[in-house]
Amino acid sequence: MSTEIYQNRCLRHKDIGTNLRCGRCGDFICPKCLAVSPVGSRCQKCVQLGQPDMFRSSKSELGIVLVASIILVIVGGLFLSLICRLLWAFPIGYQVGSIVTAFILALLGTATGETIRRVGKYKIDRRLKIISGATLFGVYVMGSAIGDAIGVPFYLFTNIISFIGVAIGIYLALNRIHP
């Protein structure tokens, strides 16, 4: 019986002993070759294979999601500005109007995230999260621009309460795309 602890050798580095195997292909790997993944240790060859298709969106799927995102920015911005215009027509006051605007932005965040998730075919792609958050921010910018054009005071969109609503909306949009 050998006194050496490691009886096996790394396939890429023959001088390094190891007992660690790739969790996918079973090849022996050393700490230099080791790549940690969410499902265990992998060799460099298996890491380069990438993620399964359920995690990645193809270029055509991303294109469709981007078109849907642009449509959502326009429709959501119009909706936000019209709701704020209706709220401004009622004598509810500046503070209540700001709180309602923030609440609407949070609801739009959930709707935006869910729409991007469905258009993206329920993929768990980090890029879809980024698109979802950017879409809600676009809704906010478009809503404030259209709202300013139709007579909603601009400061209704540029106060701390509205910014908190945007932040909550972006958070909700990002978290609708989840595993």
Foldseek 3Di string as FASTA:
>chain_A
DDPDPFPDAAPVGRVDGFPDAAPPPGGTHDPVQWDADPVGTHGPVVVVVDDDPLADFDPVLVVQLLVVLVVLLQVLLVVLLVVLVVVVVDPPDLVVSLLVSLVSLQVSLLVLLLVSCVSSVLRLYQVSLVSSLVSSVSSLVSNLVVNVVVPRDSVSCVDPSNVVSSVNSSVNSSVSNDD
